[in-house]
Amino acid sequence: HKIKSKFSLSLIGMIIIIPVFINFHKIIDLIAPYGTFNWLLTIILWLSQKFMFLLGYSETIIVNNLIYLGINYVGVGAQCLGIGIMTSFTLLILLIRSSMINRLFYIFFGIIFMIMMNSLRIVFLLLHLHKNQSYQLAMDAHDLSNYFFYIVVFLLFLGYILWFQYVPLFRGKVGR
């Protein structure tokens, strides 16, 4: 009964749908036609370049889906954009019983947060390659950062339930 009061689905519905969410991002990443999310690629690389500039590396260059620092570069493929994980996050938040304005507000800022984190991940990988020249260690860090993103999405999800679900925004009243 407690789950039903927090979510739009029953416990059985949640048990059925959560495994779908876990794999949903993989499906989105695979079925999107090439170039569909170039706008997101541009934003992520631009932000990465700005973060590099803030760290004192003004010589980064963006070419297509690559960001260079000297002879080192990080390539950002379609699966690296985070479309699937952002979609999963959006769907999880939409399942929560709350006002639509709260959900949309949280989704918007959650996605901006994830885009910024993705840009910082690229910065971390590029700096690691630049300083250590170790491709294998960079790939290990890349793969481990995927798990970090899953944890962040879970924490954002919990944060919404614990602190944001019933916050009255824009004079709207939401009852518990």
C-alpha atoms as a PDB file:
ATOM      1  CA  HIS A   1       0.000   0.000   0.000  1.00  0.00           C
ATOM      2  CA  LYS A   2       2.899   2.356   0.761  1.00  0.00           C
ATOM      3  CA  ILE A   3       4.345   1.851  -2.738  1.00  0.00           C
ATOM      4  CA  LYS A   4       0.979   2.624  -4.344  1.00  0.00           C
ATOM      5  CA  SER A   5       0.844   5.924  -2.420  1.00  0.00           C
ATOM      6  CA  LYS A   6       4.220   6.989  -3.859  1.00  0.00           C
ATOM      7  CA  PHE A   7       3.983   5.592  -7.390  1.00  0.00           C
ATOM      8  CA  SER A   8       1.423   5.404 -10.156  1.00  0.00           C
ATOM      9  CA  LEU A   9       1.855   1.604 -10.277  1.00  0.00           C
ATOM     10  CA  SER A  10       1.370  -1.241  -7.826  1.00  0.00           C
ATOM     11  CA  LEU A  11       4.244  -3.300  -6.411  1.00  0.00           C
ATOM     12  CA  ILE A  12       3.706  -5.965  -9.083  1.00  0.00           C
ATOM     13  CA  GLY A  13       3.702  -3.293 -11.777  1.00  0.00           C
ATOM     14  CA  MET A  14       6.966  -1.913 -10.391  1.00  0.00           C
ATOM     15  CA  ILE A  15       8.528  -5.404 -10.310  1.00  0.00           C
ATOM     16  CA  ILE A  16       7.587  -5.860 -13.960  1.00  0.00           C
ATOM     17  CA  ILE A  17       8.614  -2.415 -15.178  1.00  0.00           C
ATOM     18  CA  ILE A  18      11.946  -1.883 -13.352  1.00  0.00           C
ATOM     19  CA  PRO A  19      13.839  -4.525 -15.406  1.00  0.00           C
ATOM     20  CA  VAL A  20      12.493  -2.822 -18.521  1.00  0.00           C
ATOM     21  CA  PHE A  21      13.911   0.512 -17.303  1.00  0.00           C
ATOM     22  CA  ILE A  22      17.261  -1.072 -16.568  1.00  0.00           C
ATOM     23  CA  ASN A  23      17.575  -2.113 -20.227  1.00  0.00           C
ATOM     24  CA  PHE A  24      15.537   0.680 -21.825  1.00  0.00           C
ATOM     25  CA  HIS A  25      18.513   2.989 -22.248  1.00  0.00           C
ATOM     26  CA  LYS A  26      20.362   0.308 -24.223  1.00  0.00           C
ATOM     27  CA  ILE A  27      17.434   0.025 -26.630  1.00  0.00           C
ATOM     28  CA  ILE A  28      17.250   3.808 -27.168  1.00  0.00           C
ATOM     29  CA  ASP A  29      21.008   4.001 -27.756  1.00  0.00           C
ATOM     30  CA  LEU A  30      20.818   1.263 -30.403  1.00  0.00           C
ATOM     31  CA  ILE A  31      17.695   2.233 -32.366  1.00  0.00           C
ATOM     32  CA  ALA A  32      18.319   5.953 -32.799  1.00  0.00           C
ATOM     33  CA  PRO A  33      19.353   6.687 -36.397  1.00  0.00           C
ATOM     34  CA  TYR A  34      22.857   8.069 -36.889  1.00  0.00           C
ATOM     35  CA  GLY A  35      22.890  11.826 -36.374  1.00  0.00           C
ATOM     36  CA  THR A  36      19.577  11.993 -34.491  1.00  0.00           C
ATOM     37  CA  PHE A  37      21.235  13.407 -31.404  1.00  0.00           C
ATOM     38  CA  ASN A  38      23.931  15.592 -32.998  1.00  0.00           C
ATOM     39  CA  TRP A  39      22.458  18.568 -31.149  1.00  0.00           C
ATOM     40  CA  LEU A  40      23.229  16.829 -27.843  1.00  0.00           C
ATOM     41  CA  LEU A  41      26.717  15.857 -29.026  1.00  0.00           C
ATOM     42  CA  THR A  42      27.386  19.511 -29.854  1.00  0.00           C
ATOM     43  CA  ILE A  43      26.214  20.659 -26.405  1.00  0.00           C
ATOM     44  CA  ILE A  44      28.252  18.020 -24.545  1.00  0.00           C
ATOM     45  CA  LEU A  45      31.457  18.725 -26.477  1.00  0.00           C
ATOM     46  CA  TRP A  46      30.972  22.496 -26.171  1.00  0.00           C
ATOM     47  CA  LEU A  47      30.504  22.170 -22.397  1.00  0.00           C
ATOM     48  CA  SER A  48      33.551  19.891 -22.189  1.00  0.00           C
ATOM     49  CA  GLN A  49      35.601  22.486 -24.025  1.00  0.00           C
ATOM     50  CA  LYS A  50      34.392  25.223 -21.641  1.00  0.00           C
ATOM     51  CA  PHE A  51      35.253  23.085 -18.595  1.00  0.00           C
ATOM     52  CA  MET A  52      38.714  22.465 -20.077  1.00  0.00           C
ATOM     53  CA  PHE A  53      39.114  26.225 -20.528  1.00  0.00           C
ATOM     54  CA  LEU A  54      38.148  26.803 -16.879  1.00  0.00           C
ATOM     55  CA  LEU A  55      40.857  24.304 -15.904  1.00  0.00           C
ATOM     56  CA  GLY A  56      43.439  26.256 -17.911  1.00  0.00           C
ATOM     57  CA  TYR A  57      43.468  24.180 -21.101  1.00  0.00           C
ATOM     58  CA  SER A  58      42.462  26.681 -23.762  1.00  0.00           C
ATOM     59  CA  GLU A  59      43.948  24.668 -26.632  1.00  0.00           C
ATOM     60  CA  THR A  60      41.204  22.034 -26.928  1.00  0.00           C
ATOM     61  CA  ILE A  61      39.799  21.548 -30.427  1.00  0.00           C
ATOM     62  CA  ILE A  62      36.503  19.937 -31.422  1.00  0.00           C
ATOM     63  CA  VAL A  63      36.379  18.051 -34.728  1.00  0.00           C
ATOM     64  CA  ASN A  64      33.143  16.182 -35.507  1.00  0.00           C
ATOM     65  CA  ASN A  65      32.610  13.905 -32.491  1.00  0.00           C
ATOM     66  CA  LEU A  66      36.163  14.251 -31.133  1.00  0.00           C
ATOM     67  CA  ILE A  67      37.655  16.646 -28.619  1.00  0.00           C
ATOM     68  CA  TYR A  68      41.433  17.041 -28.807  1.00  0.00           C
ATOM     69  CA  LEU A  69      44.023  18.165 -26.308  1.00  0.00           C
ATOM     70  CA  GLY A  70      47.359  18.080 -28.080  1.00  0.00           C
ATOM     71  CA  ILE A  71      47.656  14.674 -29.765  1.00  0.00           C
ATOM     72  CA  ASN A  72      45.179  13.070 -27.358  1.00  0.00           C
ATOM     73  CA  TYR A  73      41.475  12.923 -28.024  1.00  0.00           C
ATOM     74  CA  VAL A  74      38.236  11.504 -26.721  1.00  0.00           C
ATOM     75  CA  GLY A  75      35.639  10.332 -29.201  1.00  0.00           C
ATOM     76  CA  VAL A  76      31.992  10.589 -28.228  1.00  0.00           C
ATOM     77  CA  GLY A  77      29.803   7.948 -29.854  1.00  0.00           C
ATOM     78  CA  ALA A  78      26.013   7.751 -29.878  1.00  0.00           C
ATOM     79  CA  GLN A  79      26.030   5.391 -26.886  1.00  0.00           C
ATOM     80  CA  CYS A  80      28.116   7.898 -24.908  1.00  0.00           C
ATOM     81  CA  LEU A  81      25.565  10.707 -25.108  1.00  0.00           C
ATOM     82  CA  GLY A  82      23.427   9.357 -22.300  1.00  0.00           C
ATOM     83  CA  ILE A  83      20.127   9.508 -24.200  1.00  0.00           C
ATOM     84  CA  GLY A  84      19.029   6.151 -22.873  1.00  0.00           C
ATOM     85  CA  ILE A  85      19.880   6.866 -19.245  1.00  0.00           C
ATOM     86  CA  MET A  86      18.173  10.273 -19.469  1.00  0.00           C
ATOM     87  CA  THR A  87      15.097   8.600 -20.942  1.00  0.00           C
ATOM     88  CA  SER A  88      15.097   6.002 -18.169  1.00  0.00           C
ATOM     89  CA  PHE A  89      15.408   8.784 -15.581  1.00  0.00           C
ATOM     90  CA  THR A  90      12.505  10.642 -17.189  1.00  0.00           C
ATOM     91  CA  LEU A  91      10.278   7.575 -17.214  1.00  0.00           C
ATOM     92  CA  LEU A  92      11.092   6.729 -13.590  1.00  0.00           C
ATOM     93  CA  ILE A  93      10.197  10.245 -12.452  1.00  0.00           C
ATOM     94  CA  LEU A  94       6.989  10.173 -14.505  1.00  0.00           C
ATOM     95  CA  LEU A  95       5.945   7.004 -12.632  1.00  0.00           C
ATOM     96  CA  ILE A  96       5.975   8.822  -9.302  1.00  0.00           C
ATOM     97  CA  ARG A  97       2.655  10.079  -7.985  1.00  0.00           C
ATOM     98  CA  SER A  98       3.174  13.850  -7.859  1.00  0.00           C
ATOM     99  CA  SER A  99       2.063  17.009  -9.623  1.00  0.00           C
ATOM    100  CA  MET A 100       3.073  17.199 -13.277  1.00  0.00           C
ATOM    101  CA  ILE A 101       4.807  20.563 -12.757  1.00  0.00           C
ATOM    102  CA  ASN A 102       7.030  19.012 -10.054  1.00  0.00           C
ATOM    103  CA  ARG A 103       7.905  16.091 -12.284  1.00  0.00           C
ATOM    104  CA  LEU A 104       8.657  18.235 -15.358  1.00  0.00           C
ATOM    105  CA  PHE A 105      10.711  20.717 -13.331  1.00  0.00           C
ATOM    106  CA  TYR A 106      12.779  17.931 -11.750  1.00  0.00           C
ATOM    107  CA  ILE A 107      13.217  16.113 -15.073  1.00  0.00           C
ATOM    108  CA  PHE A 108      14.435  19.299 -16.780  1.00  0.00           C
ATOM    109  CA  PHE A 109      17.063  20.075 -14.155  1.00  0.00           C
ATOM    110  CA  GLY A 110      17.987  16.403 -13.735  1.00  0.00           C
ATOM    111  CA  ILE A 111      18.747  16.133 -17.449  1.00  0.00           C
ATOM    112  CA  ILE A 112      20.814  19.337 -17.376  1.00  0.00           C
ATOM    113  CA  PHE A 113      22.738  17.879 -14.418  1.00  0.00           C
ATOM    114  CA  MET A 114      23.364  14.613 -16.300  1.00  0.00           C
ATOM    115  CA  ILE A 115      24.575  16.487 -19.407  1.00  0.00           C
ATOM    116  CA  MET A 116      27.013  18.479 -17.283  1.00  0.00           C
ATOM    117  CA  MET A 117      28.244  15.298 -15.585  1.00  0.00           C
ATOM    118  CA  ASN A 118      28.744  13.668 -18.968  1.00  0.00           C
ATOM    119  CA  SER A 119      30.812  16.664 -20.072  1.00  0.00           C
ATOM    120  CA  LEU A 120      32.901  16.402 -16.921  1.00  0.00           C
ATOM    121  CA  ARG A 121      33.430  12.703 -17.611  1.00  0.00           C
ATOM    122  CA  ILE A 122      34.838  13.598 -21.039  1.00  0.00           C
ATOM    123  CA  VAL A 123      37.090  16.213 -19.423  1.00  0.00           C
ATOM    124  CA  PHE A 124      38.332  13.637 -16.904  1.00  0.00           C
ATOM    125  CA  LEU A 125      39.092  11.110 -19.664  1.00  0.00           C
ATOM    126  CA  LEU A 126      40.825  13.698 -21.848  1.00  0.00           C
ATOM    127  CA  LEU A 127      42.974  14.973 -18.984  1.00  0.00           C
ATOM    128  CA  HIS A 128      43.843  11.415 -17.995  1.00  0.00           C
ATOM    129  CA  LEU A 129      44.951  10.599 -21.540  1.00  0.00           C
ATOM    130  CA  HIS A 130      46.884  13.855 -21.789  1.00  0.00           C
ATOM    131  CA  LYS A 131      48.759  13.344 -18.519  1.00  0.00           C
ATOM    132  CA  ASN A 132      49.231   9.559 -18.450  1.00  0.00           C
ATOM    133  CA  GLN A 133      49.110   8.486 -22.110  1.00  0.00           C
ATOM    134  CA  SER A 134      47.363   5.304 -20.937  1.00  0.00           C
ATOM    135  CA  TYR A 135      44.534   4.315 -23.243  1.00  0.00           C
ATOM    136  CA  GLN A 136      43.676   1.109 -21.352  1.00  0.00           C
ATOM    137  CA  LEU A 137      43.352   2.886 -18.013  1.00  0.00           C
ATOM    138  CA  ALA A 138      41.204   5.551 -19.689  1.00  0.00           C
ATOM    139  CA  MET A 139      38.892   2.843 -21.060  1.00  0.00           C
ATOM    140  CA  ASP A 140      38.640   1.275 -17.605  1.00  0.00           C
ATOM    141  CA  ALA A 141      37.728   4.678 -16.157  1.00  0.00           C
ATOM    142  CA  HIS A 142      35.165   5.141 -18.944  1.00  0.00           C
ATOM    143  CA  ASP A 143      33.525   1.803 -18.212  1.00  0.00           C
ATOM    144  CA  LEU A 144      33.501   2.403 -14.454  1.00  0.00           C
ATOM    145  CA  SER A 145      31.936   5.823 -14.947  1.00  0.00           C
ATOM    146  CA  ASN A 146      28.890   4.109 -16.475  1.00  0.00           C
ATOM    147  CA  TYR A 147      28.179   2.495 -13.103  1.00  0.00           C
ATOM    148  CA  PHE A 148      28.669   5.863 -11.450  1.00  0.00           C
ATOM    149  CA  PHE A 149      25.979   7.294 -13.751  1.00  0.00           C
ATOM    150  CA  TYR A 150      23.554   4.524 -12.798  1.00  0.00           C
ATOM    151  CA  ILE A 151      24.129   5.316  -9.132  1.00  0.00           C
ATOM    152  CA  VAL A 152      23.582   9.037  -9.775  1.00  0.00           C
ATOM    153  CA  VAL A 153      20.281   8.346 -11.552  1.00  0.00           C
ATOM    154  CA  PHE A 154      19.193   6.162  -8.638  1.00  0.00           C
ATOM    155  CA  LEU A 155      20.133   8.925  -6.169  1.00  0.00           C
ATOM    156  CA  LEU A 156      18.266  11.531  -8.253  1.00  0.00           C
ATOM    157  CA  PHE A 157      15.258   9.207  -8.230  1.00  0.00           C
ATOM    158  CA  LEU A 158      15.455   8.785  -4.433  1.00  0.00           C
ATOM    159  CA  GLY A 159      16.007  12.515  -4.003  1.00  0.00           C
ATOM    160  CA  TYR A 160      12.802  13.228  -5.848  1.00  0.00           C
ATOM    161  CA  ILE A 161      10.804  10.800  -3.714  1.00  0.00           C
ATOM    162  CA  LEU A 162      12.286  11.959  -0.410  1.00  0.00           C
ATOM    163  CA  TRP A 163      12.542  15.730  -0.879  1.00  0.00           C
ATOM    164  CA  PHE A 164      10.821  17.012  -3.999  1.00  0.00           C
ATOM    165  CA  GLN A 165       7.716  14.930  -4.672  1.00  0.00           C
ATOM    166  CA  TYR A 166       5.324  17.114  -2.674  1.00  0.00           C
ATOM    167  CA  VAL A 167       6.996  20.528  -2.895  1.00  0.00           C
ATOM    168  CA  PRO A 168       4.308  22.997  -4.000  1.00  0.00           C
ATOM    169  CA  LEU A 169       5.724  24.844  -7.008  1.00  0.00           C
ATOM    170  CA  PHE A 170       4.163  27.908  -8.629  1.00  0.00           C
ATOM    171  CA  ARG A 171       1.336  28.178  -6.060  1.00  0.00           C
ATOM    172  CA  GLY A 172       0.140  24.662  -6.845  1.00  0.00           C
ATOM    173  CA  LYS A 173      -0.869  22.527  -3.901  1.00  0.00           C
ATOM    174  CA  VAL A 174      -0.108  18.847  -3.799  1.00  0.00           C
ATOM    175  CA  GLY A 175      -1.520  16.800  -0.955  1.00  0.00           C
ATOM    176  CA  ARG A 176       0.214  13.831   0.559  1.00  0.00           C
END
